[in-house]
């Protein structure tokens, strides 16, 4: 019997997923929660075989939970509405066994769970296409600057950290905005996060 924990903050969907998976003869939902923190706690204490995680949840996101559960024997599957390559790249780094979209047919989830138990990894095909179709246009230094912007550093702090002048930082920022075709730092940061170019 495959033991499963589900973390999903939409109660209706949480109930429906639990009921669907419990209909499978070889599966049992042993726990449910509405955030990543609960998932990590439950998995470490009860050690289910599989943990299904939504991404955007309160307290701790599914990606943060997956990163923490990387060291456990529990296999993680991300089930989300977000087909963003940035999220997908983070999920891959967290060692998830599967990344499926919520609009997949329900039998696909049960099959994915069985495949995961058999040691396979399953990722939504549209994400694979996206990921390999996009190249980060920024240079290594521009990536560094964008990451520091995302970390909330001011122009002055970035200059001090990278040992360059404030004017040089401003030049880098304007190059980044230009290359990413965005209007300001916030848009650059948002796009960078969506694409997985900044943490």
C-alpha atoms as a PDB file:
ATOM      1  CA  UNK A   1       0.000   0.000   0.000  1.00  0.00           C
ATOM      2  CA  UNK A   2       1.400   3.405  -1.019  1.00  0.00           C
ATOM      3  CA  UNK A   3       1.008   5.938   1.814  1.00  0.00           C
ATOM      4  CA  UNK A   4       0.399   9.518   0.680  1.00  0.00           C
ATOM      5  CA  UNK A   5       0.363  12.951   2.312  1.00  0.00           C
ATOM      6  CA  UNK A   6      -1.283  15.888   0.482  1.00  0.00           C
ATOM      7  CA  UNK A   7      -0.543  19.578   1.117  1.00  0.00           C
ATOM      8  CA  UNK A   8      -2.998  21.913  -0.632  1.00  0.00           C
ATOM      9  CA  UNK A   9      -4.424  25.197   0.669  1.00  0.00           C
ATOM     10  CA  UNK A  10      -7.685  25.006  -1.321  1.00  0.00           C
ATOM     11  CA  UNK A  11      -9.873  22.886   0.948  1.00  0.00           C
ATOM     12  CA  UNK A  12     -12.233  21.720  -1.794  1.00  0.00           C
ATOM     13  CA  UNK A  13      -9.373  20.474  -3.933  1.00  0.00           C
ATOM     14  CA  UNK A  14      -7.666  18.911  -0.910  1.00  0.00           C
ATOM     15  CA  UNK A  15     -10.807  16.895  -0.131  1.00  0.00           C
ATOM     16  CA  UNK A  16     -11.330  15.881  -3.769  1.00  0.00           C
ATOM     17  CA  UNK A  17      -7.705  14.740  -4.210  1.00  0.00           C
ATOM     18  CA  UNK A  18      -7.875  12.717  -0.995  1.00  0.00           C
ATOM     19  CA  UNK A  19     -11.103  10.998  -2.042  1.00  0.00           C
ATOM     20  CA  UNK A  20      -9.836  10.246  -5.563  1.00  0.00           C
ATOM     21  CA  UNK A  21      -6.585   8.688  -4.376  1.00  0.00           C
ATOM     22  CA  UNK A  22      -8.310   6.664  -1.652  1.00  0.00           C
ATOM     23  CA  UNK A  23     -10.385   5.014  -4.411  1.00  0.00           C
ATOM     24  CA  UNK A  24      -7.196   3.453  -5.776  1.00  0.00           C
ATOM     25  CA  UNK A  25      -6.758  -0.073  -4.385  1.00  0.00           C
ATOM     26  CA  UNK A  26      -3.035   0.303  -3.782  1.00  0.00           C
ATOM     27  CA  UNK A  27      -3.087   3.799  -2.217  1.00  0.00           C
ATOM     28  CA  UNK A  28      -3.996   5.344   1.097  1.00  0.00           C
ATOM     29  CA  UNK A  29      -4.029   9.040   2.014  1.00  0.00           C
ATOM     30  CA  UNK A  30      -2.573   9.037   5.525  1.00  0.00           C
ATOM     31  CA  UNK A  31      -2.555  12.805   6.083  1.00  0.00           C
ATOM     32  CA  UNK A  32      -3.615  16.163   4.670  1.00  0.00           C
ATOM     33  CA  UNK A  33      -2.586  19.746   5.361  1.00  0.00           C
ATOM     34  CA  UNK A  34      -2.871  23.259   4.001  1.00  0.00           C
ATOM     35  CA  UNK A  35       0.735  24.485   4.034  1.00  0.00           C
ATOM     36  CA  UNK A  36       4.334  23.398   3.539  1.00  0.00           C
ATOM     37  CA  UNK A  37       5.193  23.660   7.229  1.00  0.00           C
ATOM     38  CA  UNK A  38       2.554  21.027   8.128  1.00  0.00           C
ATOM     39  CA  UNK A  39       3.802  18.813   5.294  1.00  0.00           C
ATOM     40  CA  UNK A  40       7.430  18.879   6.508  1.00  0.00           C
ATOM     41  CA  UNK A  41       6.364  18.155  10.088  1.00  0.00           C
ATOM     42  CA  UNK A  42       4.078  15.257   9.091  1.00  0.00           C
ATOM     43  CA  UNK A  43       6.557  13.666   6.690  1.00  0.00           C
ATOM     44  CA  UNK A  44       9.420  13.751   9.202  1.00  0.00           C
ATOM     45  CA  UNK A  45       7.214  12.239  11.904  1.00  0.00           C
ATOM     46  CA  UNK A  46       5.202   9.642   9.945  1.00  0.00           C
ATOM     47  CA  UNK A  47       7.399   8.971   6.871  1.00  0.00           C
ATOM     48  CA  UNK A  48       4.792   8.430   4.144  1.00  0.00           C
ATOM     49  CA  UNK A  49       5.982   7.133   0.755  1.00  0.00           C
ATOM     50  CA  UNK A  50       4.789  10.146  -1.233  1.00  0.00           C
ATOM     51  CA  UNK A  51       4.154  13.805  -0.437  1.00  0.00           C
ATOM     52  CA  UNK A  52       2.051  15.786  -2.932  1.00  0.00           C
ATOM     53  CA  UNK A  53       2.673  19.537  -2.670  1.00  0.00           C
ATOM     54  CA  UNK A  54       0.958  22.584  -4.102  1.00  0.00           C
ATOM     55  CA  UNK A  55       3.412  25.453  -4.726  1.00  0.00           C
ATOM     56  CA  UNK A  56       1.766  28.625  -3.473  1.00  0.00           C
ATOM     57  CA  UNK A  57       0.685  27.963   0.109  1.00  0.00           C
ATOM     58  CA  UNK A  58       0.790  30.061   3.297  1.00  0.00           C
ATOM     59  CA  UNK A  59       3.540  29.754   5.959  1.00  0.00           C
ATOM     60  CA  UNK A  60       5.853  27.696   3.720  1.00  0.00           C
ATOM     61  CA  UNK A  61       5.541  27.142  -0.043  1.00  0.00           C
ATOM     62  CA  UNK A  62       5.587  23.718  -1.650  1.00  0.00           C
ATOM     63  CA  UNK A  63       9.020  24.452  -3.127  1.00  0.00           C
ATOM     64  CA  UNK A  64      10.453  25.353   0.284  1.00  0.00           C
ATOM     65  CA  UNK A  65       8.926  22.191   1.746  1.00  0.00           C
ATOM     66  CA  UNK A  66      10.358  20.077  -1.108  1.00  0.00           C
ATOM     67  CA  UNK A  67      13.822  21.554  -0.447  1.00  0.00           C
ATOM     68  CA  UNK A  68      13.553  20.525   3.225  1.00  0.00           C
ATOM     69  CA  UNK A  69      12.261  17.054   2.385  1.00  0.00           C
ATOM     70  CA  UNK A  70      15.108  16.381  -0.065  1.00  0.00           C
ATOM     71  CA  UNK A  71      17.044  14.602   2.705  1.00  0.00           C
ATOM     72  CA  UNK A  72      14.155  12.251   3.623  1.00  0.00           C
ATOM     73  CA  UNK A  73      13.089   8.979   1.983  1.00  0.00           C
ATOM     74  CA  UNK A  74       9.715  10.451   1.059  1.00  0.00           C
ATOM     75  CA  UNK A  75       9.308  11.155  -2.667  1.00  0.00           C
ATOM     76  CA  UNK A  76       7.793  14.556  -3.501  1.00  0.00           C
ATOM     77  CA  UNK A  77       5.431  15.428  -6.340  1.00  0.00           C
ATOM     78  CA  UNK A  78       4.536  19.050  -7.107  1.00  0.00           C
ATOM     79  CA  UNK A  79       0.927  19.477  -8.259  1.00  0.00           C
ATOM     80  CA  UNK A  80       0.261  23.063  -9.317  1.00  0.00           C
ATOM     81  CA  UNK A  81      -1.558  25.392 -11.692  1.00  0.00           C
ATOM     82  CA  UNK A  82       1.716  27.212 -12.408  1.00  0.00           C
ATOM     83  CA  UNK A  83       3.548  26.156 -15.556  1.00  0.00           C
ATOM     84  CA  UNK A  84       6.417  28.579 -14.872  1.00  0.00           C
ATOM     85  CA  UNK A  85       9.889  27.510 -15.859  1.00  0.00           C
ATOM     86  CA  UNK A  86      11.348  29.293 -12.804  1.00  0.00           C
ATOM     87  CA  UNK A  87       9.253  27.224 -10.416  1.00  0.00           C
ATOM     88  CA  UNK A  88      10.092  24.107 -12.383  1.00  0.00           C
ATOM     89  CA  UNK A  89      13.838  24.756 -12.179  1.00  0.00           C
ATOM     90  CA  UNK A  90      13.617  25.282  -8.418  1.00  0.00           C
ATOM     91  CA  UNK A  91      11.615  22.057  -8.105  1.00  0.00           C
ATOM     92  CA  UNK A  92      14.296  20.168 -10.052  1.00  0.00           C
ATOM     93  CA  UNK A  93      16.977  21.559  -7.733  1.00  0.00           C
ATOM     94  CA  UNK A  94      14.890  20.401  -4.760  1.00  0.00           C
ATOM     95  CA  UNK A  95      14.990  16.884  -6.228  1.00  0.00           C
ATOM     96  CA  UNK A  96      11.240  16.423  -6.743  1.00  0.00           C
ATOM     97  CA  UNK A  97      10.169  13.170  -8.375  1.00  0.00           C
ATOM     98  CA  UNK A  98       7.321  14.714 -10.310  1.00  0.00           C
ATOM     99  CA  UNK A  99       5.926  18.081 -11.424  1.00  0.00           C
ATOM    100  CA  UNK A 100       2.361  17.879 -12.700  1.00  0.00           C
ATOM    101  CA  UNK A 101      -0.210  20.488 -13.603  1.00  0.00           C
ATOM    102  CA  UNK A 102      -3.630  20.539 -11.938  1.00  0.00           C
ATOM    103  CA  UNK A 103      -5.443  20.393 -15.262  1.00  0.00           C
ATOM    104  CA  UNK A 104      -4.020  16.891 -15.886  1.00  0.00           C
ATOM    105  CA  UNK A 105      -6.581  14.036 -15.877  1.00  0.00           C
ATOM    106  CA  UNK A 106      -7.014  12.464 -12.401  1.00  0.00           C
ATOM    107  CA  UNK A 107      -5.869   8.994 -13.533  1.00  0.00           C
ATOM    108  CA  UNK A 108      -2.598  10.600 -14.597  1.00  0.00           C
ATOM    109  CA  UNK A 109      -1.883  11.480 -10.958  1.00  0.00           C
ATOM    110  CA  UNK A 110      -2.401   7.898  -9.767  1.00  0.00           C
ATOM    111  CA  UNK A 111      -0.172   6.626 -12.595  1.00  0.00           C
ATOM    112  CA  UNK A 112       2.444   9.252 -11.711  1.00  0.00           C
ATOM    113  CA  UNK A 113       2.440   8.090  -8.080  1.00  0.00           C
ATOM    114  CA  UNK A 114       2.999   4.465  -9.134  1.00  0.00           C
ATOM    115  CA  UNK A 115       5.770   5.483 -11.557  1.00  0.00           C
ATOM    116  CA  UNK A 116       7.422   7.585  -8.845  1.00  0.00           C
ATOM    117  CA  UNK A 117       7.356   4.614  -6.483  1.00  0.00           C
ATOM    118  CA  UNK A 118       9.058   2.607  -9.239  1.00  0.00           C
ATOM    119  CA  UNK A 119      11.892   5.157  -9.271  1.00  0.00           C
ATOM    120  CA  UNK A 120      10.855   7.170 -12.325  1.00  0.00           C
ATOM    121  CA  UNK A 121      10.652  10.958 -12.579  1.00  0.00           C
ATOM    122  CA  UNK A 122       7.701  12.612 -14.297  1.00  0.00           C
ATOM    123  CA  UNK A 123       7.482  16.205 -15.480  1.00  0.00           C
ATOM    124  CA  UNK A 124       4.709  17.967 -17.415  1.00  0.00           C
ATOM    125  CA  UNK A 125       5.866  18.012 -21.074  1.00  0.00           C
ATOM    126  CA  UNK A 126       4.998  21.706 -21.598  1.00  0.00           C
ATOM    127  CA  UNK A 127       7.467  22.622 -18.851  1.00  0.00           C
ATOM    128  CA  UNK A 128      10.260  20.702 -20.513  1.00  0.00           C
ATOM    129  CA  UNK A 129       9.606  22.614 -23.758  1.00  0.00           C
ATOM    130  CA  UNK A 130       9.604  25.968 -21.934  1.00  0.00           C
ATOM    131  CA  UNK A 131      12.730  25.253 -19.993  1.00  0.00           C
ATOM    132  CA  UNK A 132      14.848  24.347 -22.963  1.00  0.00           C
ATOM    133  CA  UNK A 133      13.402  27.110 -25.123  1.00  0.00           C
ATOM    134  CA  UNK A 134      14.529  29.994 -22.923  1.00  0.00           C
ATOM    135  CA  UNK A 135      18.009  31.308 -22.437  1.00  0.00           C
ATOM    136  CA  UNK A 136      18.960  33.899 -19.846  1.00  0.00           C
ATOM    137  CA  UNK A 137      20.205  36.943 -21.823  1.00  0.00           C
ATOM    138  CA  UNK A 138      22.144  38.428 -18.890  1.00  0.00           C
ATOM    139  CA  UNK A 139      25.910  38.283 -18.387  1.00  0.00           C
ATOM    140  CA  UNK A 140      27.299  36.738 -15.181  1.00  0.00           C
ATOM    141  CA  UNK A 141      27.810  40.190 -13.631  1.00  0.00           C
ATOM    142  CA  UNK A 142      24.287  41.306 -14.602  1.00  0.00           C
ATOM    143  CA  UNK A 143      22.899  38.136 -13.011  1.00  0.00           C
ATOM    144  CA  UNK A 144      24.785  39.005  -9.804  1.00  0.00           C
ATOM    145  CA  UNK A 145      23.367  42.534  -9.817  1.00  0.00           C
ATOM    146  CA  UNK A 146      19.812  41.284 -10.438  1.00  0.00           C
ATOM    147  CA  UNK A 147      20.148  38.771  -7.591  1.00  0.00           C
ATOM    148  CA  UNK A 148      21.270  41.552  -5.228  1.00  0.00           C
ATOM    149  CA  UNK A 149      18.330  43.701  -6.379  1.00  0.00           C
ATOM    150  CA  UNK A 150      16.048  40.729  -5.626  1.00  0.00           C
ATOM    151  CA  UNK A 151      17.682  40.442  -2.190  1.00  0.00           C
ATOM    152  CA  UNK A 152      16.469  43.990  -1.507  1.00  0.00           C
ATOM    153  CA  UNK A 153      19.856  45.726  -1.669  1.00  0.00           C
ATOM    154  CA  UNK A 154      20.110  49.420  -2.551  1.00  0.00           C
ATOM    155  CA  UNK A 155      22.339  50.746  -5.358  1.00  0.00           C
ATOM    156  CA  UNK A 156      24.868  51.863  -2.726  1.00  0.00           C
ATOM    157  CA  UNK A 157      24.887  48.409  -1.031  1.00  0.00           C
ATOM    158  CA  UNK A 158      25.300  46.621  -4.382  1.00  0.00           C
ATOM    159  CA  UNK A 159      28.234  48.894  -5.256  1.00  0.00           C
ATOM    160  CA  UNK A 160      29.911  48.133  -1.908  1.00  0.00           C
ATOM    161  CA  UNK A 161      29.318  44.388  -2.186  1.00  0.00           C
ATOM    162  CA  UNK A 162      30.630  44.079  -5.745  1.00  0.00           C
ATOM    163  CA  UNK A 163      33.409  46.637  -5.258  1.00  0.00           C
ATOM    164  CA  UNK A 164      32.223  48.845  -8.109  1.00  0.00           C
ATOM    165  CA  UNK A 165      30.983  52.451  -8.307  1.00  0.00           C
ATOM    166  CA  UNK A 166      27.347  53.507  -7.869  1.00  0.00           C
ATOM    167  CA  UNK A 167      27.390  54.738 -11.487  1.00  0.00           C
ATOM    168  CA  UNK A 168      28.497  51.295 -12.689  1.00  0.00           C
ATOM    169  CA  UNK A 169      25.649  49.647 -10.752  1.00  0.00           C
ATOM    170  CA  UNK A 170      23.191  52.048 -12.402  1.00  0.00           C
ATOM    171  CA  UNK A 171      24.619  51.134 -15.818  1.00  0.00           C
ATOM    172  CA  UNK A 172      24.187  47.427 -15.064  1.00  0.00           C
ATOM    173  CA  UNK A 173      20.613  47.982 -13.892  1.00  0.00           C
ATOM    174  CA  UNK A 174      19.699  49.899 -17.047  1.00  0.00           C
ATOM    175  CA  UNK A 175      21.290  47.138 -19.189  1.00  0.00           C
ATOM    176  CA  UNK A 176      19.242  44.526 -17.279  1.00  0.00           C
ATOM    177  CA  UNK A 177      15.987  46.478 -17.774  1.00  0.00           C
ATOM    178  CA  UNK A 178      16.805  46.875 -21.443  1.00  0.00           C
ATOM    179  CA  UNK A 179      17.634  43.194 -22.037  1.00  0.00           C
ATOM    180  CA  UNK A 180      14.593  41.942 -20.116  1.00  0.00           C
ATOM    181  CA  UNK A 181      12.350  44.561 -21.774  1.00  0.00           C
ATOM    182  CA  UNK A 182      10.916  45.755 -18.446  1.00  0.00           C
ATOM    183  CA  UNK A 183      10.305  49.237 -17.010  1.00  0.00           C
ATOM    184  CA  UNK A 184      11.748  49.029 -13.506  1.00  0.00           C
ATOM    185  CA  UNK A 185      13.612  46.943 -10.914  1.00  0.00           C
ATOM    186  CA  UNK A 186      10.432  45.365  -9.534  1.00  0.00           C
ATOM    187  CA  UNK A 187       9.394  44.100 -12.976  1.00  0.00           C
ATOM    188  CA  UNK A 188      12.946  42.809 -13.576  1.00  0.00           C
ATOM    189  CA  UNK A 189      12.889  40.998 -10.234  1.00  0.00           C
ATOM    190  CA  UNK A 190       9.430  39.499 -10.874  1.00  0.00           C
ATOM    191  CA  UNK A 191      10.435  38.270 -14.331  1.00  0.00           C
ATOM    192  CA  UNK A 192      13.740  36.917 -12.987  1.00  0.00           C
ATOM    193  CA  UNK A 193      11.889  34.907 -10.316  1.00  0.00           C
ATOM    194  CA  UNK A 194       9.333  33.561 -12.798  1.00  0.00           C
ATOM    195  CA  UNK A 195      12.104  32.360 -15.092  1.00  0.00           C
ATOM    196  CA  UNK A 196      14.150  30.938 -12.228  1.00  0.00           C
ATOM    197  CA  UNK A 197      17.037  33.324 -12.882  1.00  0.00           C
ATOM    198  CA  UNK A 198      16.981  34.715  -9.348  1.00  0.00           C
ATOM    199  CA  UNK A 199      16.085  33.070  -6.049  1.00  0.00           C
END
